[in-house]
Amino acid sequence: MIHLEYYLIVSAIMLFAGIYGFLTRRNTLAMLISIELILNATDINFAAFNRYLFPDGTEGHFFALFSIAISAAETAIAIAIMINIYRNIRSIQADRIEDLKW
């Protein structure tokens, strides 16, 4: 049986990789992927804590599935926004988005 600490270590690595990627990347698509890493880290925590605290319950798994559905909707909207930005300024770099202000 895998101990809870291993799930938490994997989740922490994913969380910090997502935070690092979000803060260092200038490409909006890479920033979106970093946000997805952060959300997947929380999904691992939902499932792991549910397994160890309530072995017969499925609430953590339902929270994780709900979070995955929200992530999919968020990704679809973000990609639509990126396509619209690319049509206007021919770049999806976060530095160039300020060109859309005025």
Protein backbone atom coordinates (compact mmCIF):
# COMPACT_ATOMS: atom_id res chain seq x y z
CA MET A 1 0.00 0.00 0.00
CA ILE A 2 1.35 3.43 -0.92
CA HIS A 3 1.68 5.86 1.97
CA LEU A 4 0.00 9.26 1.98
CA GLU A 5 3.35 11.04 2.06
CA TYR A 6 4.22 9.84 -1.45
CA TYR A 7 1.02 11.33 -2.86
CA LEU A 8 1.74 14.58 -1.05
CA ILE A 9 5.30 14.69 -2.38
CA VAL A 10 4.11 14.19 -5.97
CA SER A 11 1.41 16.80 -5.45
CA ALA A 12 3.88 19.30 -3.98
CA ILE A 13 6.28 18.79 -6.89
CA MET A 14 3.46 19.38 -9.37
CA LEU A 15 2.29 22.44 -7.45
CA PHE A 16 5.73 24.06 -7.34
CA ALA A 17 6.41 23.19 -10.98
CA GLY A 18 3.13 24.87 -11.90
CA ILE A 19 3.88 27.97 -9.85
CA TYR A 20 7.40 28.20 -11.28
CA GLY A 21 6.10 27.74 -14.82
CA PHE A 22 3.41 30.37 -14.36
CA LEU A 23 5.79 32.95 -12.96
CA THR A 24 8.62 32.43 -15.45
CA ARG A 25 6.85 31.89 -18.78
CA ARG A 26 5.70 34.68 -21.04
CA ASN A 27 3.75 32.50 -23.46
CA THR A 28 0.09 32.42 -22.46
CA LEU A 29 -0.28 28.78 -23.54
CA ALA A 30 2.60 27.75 -21.26
CA MET A 31 0.99 29.74 -18.46
CA LEU A 32 -2.27 27.86 -19.04
CA ILE A 33 -0.47 24.53 -18.85
CA SER A 34 1.11 25.65 -15.57
CA ILE A 35 -2.31 26.47 -14.15
CA GLU A 36 -3.47 23.00 -15.15
CA LEU A 37 -0.53 21.51 -13.26
CA ILE A 38 -1.60 23.40 -10.14
CA LEU A 39 -5.18 22.19 -10.48
CA ASN A 40 -4.05 18.60 -11.02
CA ALA A 41 -1.99 18.81 -7.83
CA THR A 42 -5.14 19.71 -5.93
CA ASP A 43 -6.99 16.81 -7.56
CA ILE A 44 -4.32 14.41 -6.31
CA ASN A 45 -4.77 15.82 -2.82
CA PHE A 46 -8.55 15.40 -2.98
CA ALA A 47 -8.27 11.76 -3.98
CA ALA A 48 -5.41 10.92 -1.60
CA PHE A 49 -6.98 12.45 1.49
CA ASN A 50 -10.31 10.85 0.66
CA ARG A 51 -8.63 7.44 0.36
CA TYR A 52 -6.84 7.72 3.68
CA LEU A 53 -9.43 9.57 5.78
CA PHE A 54 -12.62 7.96 4.45
CA PRO A 55 -11.73 4.69 2.67
CA ASP A 56 -15.36 3.83 1.89
CA GLY A 57 -16.38 7.34 0.80
CA THR A 58 -16.19 8.80 -2.67
CA GLU A 59 -16.53 12.51 -1.90
CA GLY A 60 -12.89 13.29 -2.69
CA HIS A 61 -13.17 11.56 -6.04
CA PHE A 62 -16.29 13.54 -6.89
CA PHE A 63 -14.52 16.77 -5.92
CA ALA A 64 -11.64 15.78 -8.19
CA LEU A 65 -14.01 15.00 -11.09
CA PHE A 66 -15.81 18.31 -10.56
CA SER A 67 -12.46 20.10 -10.55
CA ILE A 68 -11.44 18.35 -13.78
CA ALA A 69 -14.71 19.47 -15.41
CA ILE A 70 -14.12 23.06 -14.28
CA SER A 71 -10.54 22.85 -15.59
CA ALA A 72 -11.77 21.66 -18.98
CA ALA A 73 -14.23 24.56 -19.23
CA GLU A 74 -11.56 27.03 -18.12
CA THR A 75 -9.13 25.67 -20.71
CA ALA A 76 -11.67 25.95 -23.51
CA ILE A 77 -12.42 29.57 -22.61
CA ALA A 78 -8.72 30.43 -22.25
CA ILE A 79 -7.86 28.93 -25.63
CA ALA A 80 -10.72 30.87 -27.23
CA ILE A 81 -9.34 34.07 -25.69
CA MET A 82 -5.83 33.20 -26.92
CA ILE A 83 -7.12 32.64 -30.45
CA ASN A 84 -8.84 36.04 -30.35
CA ILE A 85 -5.67 37.73 -29.07
CA TYR A 86 -3.62 36.03 -31.78
CA ARG A 87 -6.01 37.30 -34.45
CA ASN A 88 -5.59 40.88 -33.23
CA ILE A 89 -1.86 41.17 -32.51
CA ARG A 90 -0.36 38.02 -34.10
CA SER A 91 1.29 36.91 -30.85
CA ILE A 92 0.27 35.12 -27.67
CA GLN A 93 3.13 36.46 -25.59
CA ALA A 94 1.94 37.94 -22.29
CA ASP A 95 4.15 41.01 -22.80
CA ARG A 96 2.35 41.95 -26.01
CA ILE A 97 -1.15 41.79 -24.53
CA GLU A 98 -0.75 45.35 -23.27
CA ASP A 99 -1.05 46.40 -26.93
CA LEU A 100 -4.77 45.62 -26.72
CA LYS A 101 -5.40 48.32 -24.09
CA TRP A 102 -6.06 51.21 -26.42
